[in-house]
Amino acid sequence: MDSSSTRRRATRQKLYEAAVTLIAEQGFSATTVDEIAERAGVAKGTVYYNFKSKTELFEELLRHGVGMLTASLRTAADETAERDGTSVEALDAMVRAGLAFIDRHPAFTRLYVAELWRTNRAWQSTLLVVRQQAVSVVEKVLQEGIDRGELSRGIDVPLTAAALVGMVLVAALDWQAFQPERTIDDVHSALSLLLRGQVGGSGPVPR
């Protein structure tokens, strides 16, 4: 990658971080391009050089953030497969990876969850696409588990995958907002018990 591409990526990252913080604090409509530029430490023209509009910036922010979440879930699944782990172990690793991502990017997660419930946004179609990318990673592991006989054939794969992703998102936000004294290990342990009880049987969680 040449130096100009590296600089542009770094600039976009600064704009994403500025935008997600401001929009999480005061909402999309109330946030101006001038404020984003000021928070990012760049000229207003730099924002428009990288994005045609505030709406495009926000769409790309959603793509970028959910893309990172999807990559972290996929890495967790792949690493489990490399050590010949079971499907439930892969799902458990993905739960942990999701919690770690949310712990690192709480403002983006709050914004993403809030936008999932809105239906009148210009970026709704983009949001649906990137959401499905994340859910599809979980669907793949569930289907592989069913095919190998590790999971019940009665599992509704699309609904279960969406439920698992939703469980991690909501539990992590609740953890950060109302139970911040808990560690990521505490939250992962609780969700791991739920996962194994609902999907992989009622046996104890290995230590």
C-alpha atoms as a PDB file:
ATOM      1  CA  MET A   1       0.000   0.000   0.000  1.00  0.00           C
ATOM      2  CA  ASP A   2       1.480   3.408  -1.005  1.00  0.00           C
ATOM      3  CA  SER A   3       1.843   6.324   1.382  1.00  0.00           C
ATOM      4  CA  SER A   4      -1.162   8.239  -0.014  1.00  0.00           C
ATOM      5  CA  SER A   5      -3.449   5.235   0.534  1.00  0.00           C
ATOM      6  CA  THR A   6      -2.089   4.809   4.047  1.00  0.00           C
ATOM      7  CA  ARG A   7      -2.712   8.484   4.820  1.00  0.00           C
ATOM      8  CA  ARG A   8      -6.227   8.297   3.431  1.00  0.00           C
ATOM      9  CA  ARG A   9      -7.030   5.243   5.536  1.00  0.00           C
ATOM     10  CA  ALA A  10      -5.686   7.016   8.617  1.00  0.00           C
ATOM     11  CA  THR A  11      -7.771  10.116   7.827  1.00  0.00           C
ATOM     12  CA  ARG A  12     -10.907   8.052   7.330  1.00  0.00           C
ATOM     13  CA  GLN A  13     -10.277   6.280  10.619  1.00  0.00           C
ATOM     14  CA  LYS A  14     -10.073   9.634  12.407  1.00  0.00           C
ATOM     15  CA  LEU A  15     -13.307  10.744  10.764  1.00  0.00           C
ATOM     16  CA  TYR A  16     -15.045   7.489  11.737  1.00  0.00           C
ATOM     17  CA  GLU A  17     -13.939   7.888  15.349  1.00  0.00           C
ATOM     18  CA  ALA A  18     -15.029  11.523  15.475  1.00  0.00           C
ATOM     19  CA  ALA A  19     -18.386  10.808  13.832  1.00  0.00           C
ATOM     20  CA  VAL A  20     -19.265   7.819  15.981  1.00  0.00           C
ATOM     21  CA  THR A  21     -18.475   9.699  19.183  1.00  0.00           C
ATOM     22  CA  LEU A  22     -20.453  12.800  18.237  1.00  0.00           C
ATOM     23  CA  ILE A  23     -23.445  10.954  16.790  1.00  0.00           C
ATOM     24  CA  ALA A  24     -23.597   8.652  19.818  1.00  0.00           C
ATOM     25  CA  GLU A  25     -23.577  11.743  22.069  1.00  0.00           C
ATOM     26  CA  GLN A  26     -26.071  13.978  20.265  1.00  0.00           C
ATOM     27  CA  GLY A  27     -27.698  12.093  17.389  1.00  0.00           C
ATOM     28  CA  PHE A  28     -27.203  12.116  13.624  1.00  0.00           C
ATOM     29  CA  SER A  29     -29.359  15.141  12.810  1.00  0.00           C
ATOM     30  CA  ALA A  30     -27.783  17.333  15.480  1.00  0.00           C
ATOM     31  CA  THR A  31     -24.223  16.499  14.433  1.00  0.00           C
ATOM     32  CA  THR A  32     -22.704  18.752  11.781  1.00  0.00           C
ATOM     33  CA  VAL A  33     -19.877  18.153   9.345  1.00  0.00           C
ATOM     34  CA  ASP A  34     -18.046  21.089  10.941  1.00  0.00           C
ATOM     35  CA  GLU A  35     -18.170  19.346  14.325  1.00  0.00           C
ATOM     36  CA  ILE A  36     -16.923  16.079  12.852  1.00  0.00           C
ATOM     37  CA  ALA A  37     -14.026  17.864  11.152  1.00  0.00           C
ATOM     38  CA  GLU A  38     -13.145  19.750  14.324  1.00  0.00           C
ATOM     39  CA  ARG A  39     -13.265  16.600  16.486  1.00  0.00           C
ATOM     40  CA  ALA A  40     -11.108  14.745  13.938  1.00  0.00           C
ATOM     41  CA  GLY A  41      -8.621  17.603  13.746  1.00  0.00           C
ATOM     42  CA  VAL A  42      -8.994  18.101   9.989  1.00  0.00           C
ATOM     43  CA  ALA A  43     -10.371  20.764   7.662  1.00  0.00           C
ATOM     44  CA  LYS A  44     -14.036  20.597   6.665  1.00  0.00           C
ATOM     45  CA  GLY A  45     -12.955  20.098   3.067  1.00  0.00           C
ATOM     46  CA  THR A  46     -11.168  16.912   4.088  1.00  0.00           C
ATOM     47  CA  VAL A  47     -14.490  15.399   5.127  1.00  0.00           C
ATOM     48  CA  TYR A  48     -15.985  16.121   1.694  1.00  0.00           C
ATOM     49  CA  TYR A  49     -12.831  14.895  -0.039  1.00  0.00           C
ATOM     50  CA  ASN A  50     -13.363  11.477   1.559  1.00  0.00           C
ATOM     51  CA  PHE A  51     -17.170  11.372   1.636  1.00  0.00           C
ATOM     52  CA  LYS A  52     -19.790  13.081  -0.523  1.00  0.00           C
ATOM     53  CA  SER A  53     -22.019  13.855   2.433  1.00  0.00           C
ATOM     54  CA  LYS A  54     -22.602  13.256   6.129  1.00  0.00           C
ATOM     55  CA  THR A  55     -24.995  10.463   5.176  1.00  0.00           C
ATOM     56  CA  GLU A  56     -22.333   8.708   3.099  1.00  0.00           C
ATOM     57  CA  LEU A  57     -19.871   9.074   5.968  1.00  0.00           C
ATOM     58  CA  PHE A  58     -22.347   7.418   8.310  1.00  0.00           C
ATOM     59  CA  GLU A  59     -23.071   4.600   5.843  1.00  0.00           C
ATOM     60  CA  GLU A  60     -19.369   3.904   5.473  1.00  0.00           C
ATOM     61  CA  LEU A  61     -18.986   4.062   9.249  1.00  0.00           C
ATOM     62  CA  LEU A  62     -21.611   1.306   9.562  1.00  0.00           C
ATOM     63  CA  ARG A  63     -19.853  -0.777   6.907  1.00  0.00           C
ATOM     64  CA  HIS A  64     -16.499  -0.275   8.603  1.00  0.00           C
ATOM     65  CA  GLY A  65     -17.680  -1.047  12.129  1.00  0.00           C
ATOM     66  CA  VAL A  66     -19.803  -4.093  11.325  1.00  0.00           C
ATOM     67  CA  GLY A  67     -17.040  -5.275   9.008  1.00  0.00           C
ATOM     68  CA  MET A  68     -14.633  -5.309  11.946  1.00  0.00           C
ATOM     69  CA  LEU A  69     -17.167  -7.171  14.080  1.00  0.00           C
ATOM     70  CA  THR A  70     -17.721  -9.721  11.312  1.00  0.00           C
ATOM     71  CA  ALA A  71     -13.978 -10.228  10.898  1.00  0.00           C
ATOM     72  CA  SER A  72     -13.526 -10.825  14.625  1.00  0.00           C
ATOM     73  CA  LEU A  73     -16.332 -13.425  14.634  1.00  0.00           C
ATOM     74  CA  ARG A  74     -14.894 -15.168  11.586  1.00  0.00           C
ATOM     75  CA  THR A  75     -11.395 -15.251  13.093  1.00  0.00           C
ATOM     76  CA  ALA A  76     -12.741 -16.828  16.288  1.00  0.00           C
ATOM     77  CA  ALA A  77     -14.547 -19.518  14.267  1.00  0.00           C
ATOM     78  CA  ASP A  78     -11.533 -20.194  12.045  1.00  0.00           C
ATOM     79  CA  GLU A  79      -9.130 -20.475  14.978  1.00  0.00           C
ATOM     80  CA  THR A  80     -11.448 -22.965  16.679  1.00  0.00           C
ATOM     81  CA  ALA A  81     -11.665 -25.023  13.479  1.00  0.00           C
ATOM     82  CA  GLU A  82      -7.866 -25.043  13.160  1.00  0.00           C
ATOM     83  CA  ARG A  83      -7.568 -26.756  16.532  1.00  0.00           C
ATOM     84  CA  ASP A  84     -10.382 -29.189  15.673  1.00  0.00           C
ATOM     85  CA  GLY A  85     -12.830 -27.652  18.130  1.00  0.00           C
ATOM     86  CA  THR A  86     -16.539 -28.436  18.090  1.00  0.00           C
ATOM     87  CA  SER A  87     -19.244 -26.186  16.712  1.00  0.00           C
ATOM     88  CA  VAL A  88     -20.337 -25.227  20.224  1.00  0.00           C
ATOM     89  CA  GLU A  89     -16.741 -24.302  21.050  1.00  0.00           C
ATOM     90  CA  ALA A  90     -16.642 -22.169  17.903  1.00  0.00           C
ATOM     91  CA  LEU A  91     -19.886 -20.439  18.866  1.00  0.00           C
ATOM     92  CA  ASP A  92     -18.549 -19.870  22.369  1.00  0.00           C
ATOM     93  CA  ALA A  93     -15.348 -18.365  20.949  1.00  0.00           C
ATOM     94  CA  MET A  94     -17.475 -16.091  18.770  1.00  0.00           C
ATOM     95  CA  VAL A  95     -19.438 -14.943  21.814  1.00  0.00           C
ATOM     96  CA  ARG A  96     -16.154 -14.030  23.486  1.00  0.00           C
ATOM     97  CA  ALA A  97     -14.913 -12.252  20.356  1.00  0.00           C
ATOM     98  CA  GLY A  98     -18.152 -10.292  20.105  1.00  0.00           C
ATOM     99  CA  LEU A  99     -17.915  -9.179  23.721  1.00  0.00           C
ATOM    100  CA  ALA A 100     -14.301  -8.123  23.226  1.00  0.00           C
ATOM    101  CA  PHE A 101     -15.234  -6.093  20.135  1.00  0.00           C
ATOM    102  CA  ILE A 102     -18.063  -4.334  21.962  1.00  0.00           C
ATOM    103  CA  ASP A 103     -15.793  -3.636  24.919  1.00  0.00           C
ATOM    104  CA  ARG A 104     -13.339  -1.946  22.547  1.00  0.00           C
ATOM    105  CA  HIS A 105     -15.993  -0.068  20.540  1.00  0.00           C
ATOM    106  CA  PRO A 106     -18.892   0.778  22.895  1.00  0.00           C
ATOM    107  CA  ALA A 107     -19.975   3.988  21.142  1.00  0.00           C
ATOM    108  CA  PHE A 108     -20.219   2.274  17.765  1.00  0.00           C
ATOM    109  CA  THR A 109     -22.151  -0.625  19.270  1.00  0.00           C
ATOM    110  CA  ARG A 110     -24.709   1.685  20.904  1.00  0.00           C
ATOM    111  CA  LEU A 111     -25.140   3.504  17.617  1.00  0.00           C
ATOM    112  CA  TYR A 112     -25.464   0.295  15.611  1.00  0.00           C
ATOM    113  CA  VAL A 113     -28.061  -1.232  17.932  1.00  0.00           C
ATOM    114  CA  ALA A 114     -30.080   2.004  17.947  1.00  0.00           C
ATOM    115  CA  GLU A 115     -30.092   2.168  14.149  1.00  0.00           C
ATOM    116  CA  LEU A 116     -31.294  -1.430  13.839  1.00  0.00           C
ATOM    117  CA  TRP A 117     -34.651  -0.296  15.218  1.00  0.00           C
ATOM    118  CA  ARG A 118     -35.131   2.619  12.823  1.00  0.00           C
ATOM    119  CA  THR A 119     -36.907   2.151   9.505  1.00  0.00           C
ATOM    120  CA  ASN A 120     -36.826   5.605   7.925  1.00  0.00           C
ATOM    121  CA  ARG A 121     -33.098   6.068   7.424  1.00  0.00           C
ATOM    122  CA  ALA A 122     -31.374   6.532   4.064  1.00  0.00           C
ATOM    123  CA  TRP A 123     -28.852   3.871   5.033  1.00  0.00           C
ATOM    124  CA  GLN A 124     -31.412   1.205   6.019  1.00  0.00           C
ATOM    125  CA  SER A 125     -30.534  -1.057   3.070  1.00  0.00           C
ATOM    126  CA  THR A 126     -26.827  -0.773   3.887  1.00  0.00           C
ATOM    127  CA  LEU A 127     -27.526  -1.637   7.506  1.00  0.00           C
ATOM    128  CA  LEU A 128     -29.475  -4.751   6.523  1.00  0.00           C
ATOM    129  CA  VAL A 129     -26.632  -5.911   4.279  1.00  0.00           C
ATOM    130  CA  VAL A 130     -23.883  -5.495   6.865  1.00  0.00           C
ATOM    131  CA  ARG A 131     -26.053  -7.022   9.598  1.00  0.00           C
ATOM    132  CA  GLN A 132     -26.544 -10.113   7.458  1.00  0.00           C
ATOM    133  CA  GLN A 133     -22.791 -10.383   6.899  1.00  0.00           C
ATOM    134  CA  ALA A 134     -22.245 -10.726  10.633  1.00  0.00           C
ATOM    135  CA  VAL A 135     -25.173 -13.096  11.140  1.00  0.00           C
ATOM    136  CA  SER A 136     -24.057 -15.260   8.196  1.00  0.00           C
ATOM    137  CA  VAL A 137     -20.798 -16.108   9.957  1.00  0.00           C
ATOM    138  CA  VAL A 138     -22.791 -17.576  12.834  1.00  0.00           C
ATOM    139  CA  GLU A 139     -25.208 -19.307  10.440  1.00  0.00           C
ATOM    140  CA  LYS A 140     -22.278 -21.063   8.778  1.00  0.00           C
ATOM    141  CA  VAL A 141     -21.008 -22.492  12.069  1.00  0.00           C
ATOM    142  CA  LEU A 142     -24.495 -23.599  13.093  1.00  0.00           C
ATOM    143  CA  GLN A 143     -25.094 -25.343   9.766  1.00  0.00           C
ATOM    144  CA  GLU A 144     -21.720 -27.077   9.922  1.00  0.00           C
ATOM    145  CA  GLY A 145     -22.555 -28.280  13.420  1.00  0.00           C
ATOM    146  CA  ILE A 146     -25.877 -29.679  12.226  1.00  0.00           C
ATOM    147  CA  ASP A 147     -24.234 -31.379   9.237  1.00  0.00           C
ATOM    148  CA  ARG A 148     -21.668 -33.040  11.529  1.00  0.00           C
ATOM    149  CA  GLY A 149     -24.327 -34.173  13.946  1.00  0.00           C
ATOM    150  CA  GLU A 150     -23.046 -31.971  16.766  1.00  0.00           C
ATOM    151  CA  LEU A 151     -26.190 -29.837  16.889  1.00  0.00           C
ATOM    152  CA  SER A 152     -29.872 -30.677  16.646  1.00  0.00           C
ATOM    153  CA  ARG A 153     -31.402 -30.735  13.183  1.00  0.00           C
ATOM    154  CA  GLY A 154     -34.396 -28.995  14.692  1.00  0.00           C
ATOM    155  CA  ILE A 155     -32.451 -25.739  15.058  1.00  0.00           C
ATOM    156  CA  ASP A 156     -33.794 -22.844  12.983  1.00  0.00           C
ATOM    157  CA  VAL A 157     -30.432 -21.630  11.665  1.00  0.00           C
ATOM    158  CA  PRO A 158     -31.288 -18.056  10.565  1.00  0.00           C
ATOM    159  CA  LEU A 159     -33.321 -17.291  13.681  1.00  0.00           C
ATOM    160  CA  THR A 160     -30.829 -18.907  16.068  1.00  0.00           C
ATOM    161  CA  ALA A 161     -27.907 -17.070  14.481  1.00  0.00           C
ATOM    162  CA  ALA A 162     -29.723 -13.733  14.768  1.00  0.00           C
ATOM    163  CA  ALA A 163     -30.654 -14.537  18.367  1.00  0.00           C
ATOM    164  CA  LEU A 164     -27.056 -15.330  19.311  1.00  0.00           C
ATOM    165  CA  VAL A 165     -25.752 -12.100  17.786  1.00  0.00           C
ATOM    166  CA  GLY A 166     -28.534 -10.157  19.468  1.00  0.00           C
ATOM    167  CA  MET A 167     -27.827 -11.851  22.802  1.00  0.00           C
ATOM    168  CA  VAL A 168     -24.203 -10.731  22.703  1.00  0.00           C
ATOM    169  CA  LEU A 169     -25.059  -7.160  21.674  1.00  0.00           C
ATOM    170  CA  VAL A 170     -27.755  -6.626  24.300  1.00  0.00           C
ATOM    171  CA  ALA A 171     -25.885  -8.397  27.108  1.00  0.00           C
ATOM    172  CA  ALA A 172     -22.742  -6.389  26.425  1.00  0.00           C
ATOM    173  CA  LEU A 173     -24.601  -3.067  26.392  1.00  0.00           C
ATOM    174  CA  ASP A 174     -26.380  -3.982  29.627  1.00  0.00           C
ATOM    175  CA  TRP A 175     -23.031  -4.939  31.132  1.00  0.00           C
ATOM    176  CA  GLN A 176     -21.461  -1.605  30.229  1.00  0.00           C
ATOM    177  CA  ALA A 177     -24.442   0.519  31.238  1.00  0.00           C
ATOM    178  CA  PHE A 178     -25.643  -1.210  34.401  1.00  0.00           C
ATOM    179  CA  GLN A 179     -23.015  -3.702  35.571  1.00  0.00           C
ATOM    180  CA  PRO A 180     -19.652  -2.112  34.731  1.00  0.00           C
ATOM    181  CA  GLU A 181     -18.036  -3.715  37.776  1.00  0.00           C
ATOM    182  CA  ARG A 182     -18.205  -7.078  36.025  1.00  0.00           C
ATOM    183  CA  THR A 183     -15.269  -8.329  33.955  1.00  0.00           C
ATOM    184  CA  ILE A 184     -15.503  -9.656  30.427  1.00  0.00           C
ATOM    185  CA  ASP A 185     -14.833 -13.098  31.917  1.00  0.00           C
ATOM    186  CA  ASP A 186     -17.956 -12.762  34.094  1.00  0.00           C
ATOM    187  CA  VAL A 187     -20.151 -11.841  31.145  1.00  0.00           C
ATOM    188  CA  HIS A 188     -18.661 -14.474  28.861  1.00  0.00           C
ATOM    189  CA  SER A 189     -19.133 -17.159  31.487  1.00  0.00           C
ATOM    190  CA  ALA A 190     -22.830 -16.301  31.876  1.00  0.00           C
ATOM    191  CA  LEU A 191     -23.461 -16.275  28.126  1.00  0.00           C
ATOM    192  CA  SER A 192     -21.448 -19.459  27.693  1.00  0.00           C
ATOM    193  CA  LEU A 193     -23.741 -21.263  30.127  1.00  0.00           C
ATOM    194  CA  LEU A 194     -26.768 -19.985  28.254  1.00  0.00           C
ATOM    195  CA  LEU A 195     -25.303 -20.975  24.894  1.00  0.00           C
ATOM    196  CA  ARG A 196     -24.456 -24.505  25.989  1.00  0.00           C
ATOM    197  CA  GLY A 197     -27.774 -24.984  27.702  1.00  0.00           C
ATOM    198  CA  GLN A 198     -29.844 -23.801  24.748  1.00  0.00           C
ATOM    199  CA  VAL A 199     -27.783 -25.062  21.814  1.00  0.00           C
ATOM    200  CA  GLY A 200     -25.243 -27.606  22.892  1.00  0.00           C
ATOM    201  CA  GLY A 201     -26.872 -29.493  25.755  1.00  0.00           C
ATOM    202  CA  SER A 202     -27.031 -28.925  29.480  1.00  0.00           C
ATOM    203  CA  GLY A 203     -23.607 -30.185  30.499  1.00  0.00           C
ATOM    204  CA  PRO A 204     -21.224 -28.095  32.583  1.00  0.00           C
ATOM    205  CA  VAL A 205     -18.992 -25.496  30.949  1.00  0.00           C
ATOM    206  CA  PRO A 206     -15.397 -26.802  30.763  1.00  0.00           C
ATOM    207  CA  ARG A 207     -12.898 -24.834  32.796  1.00  0.00           C
END
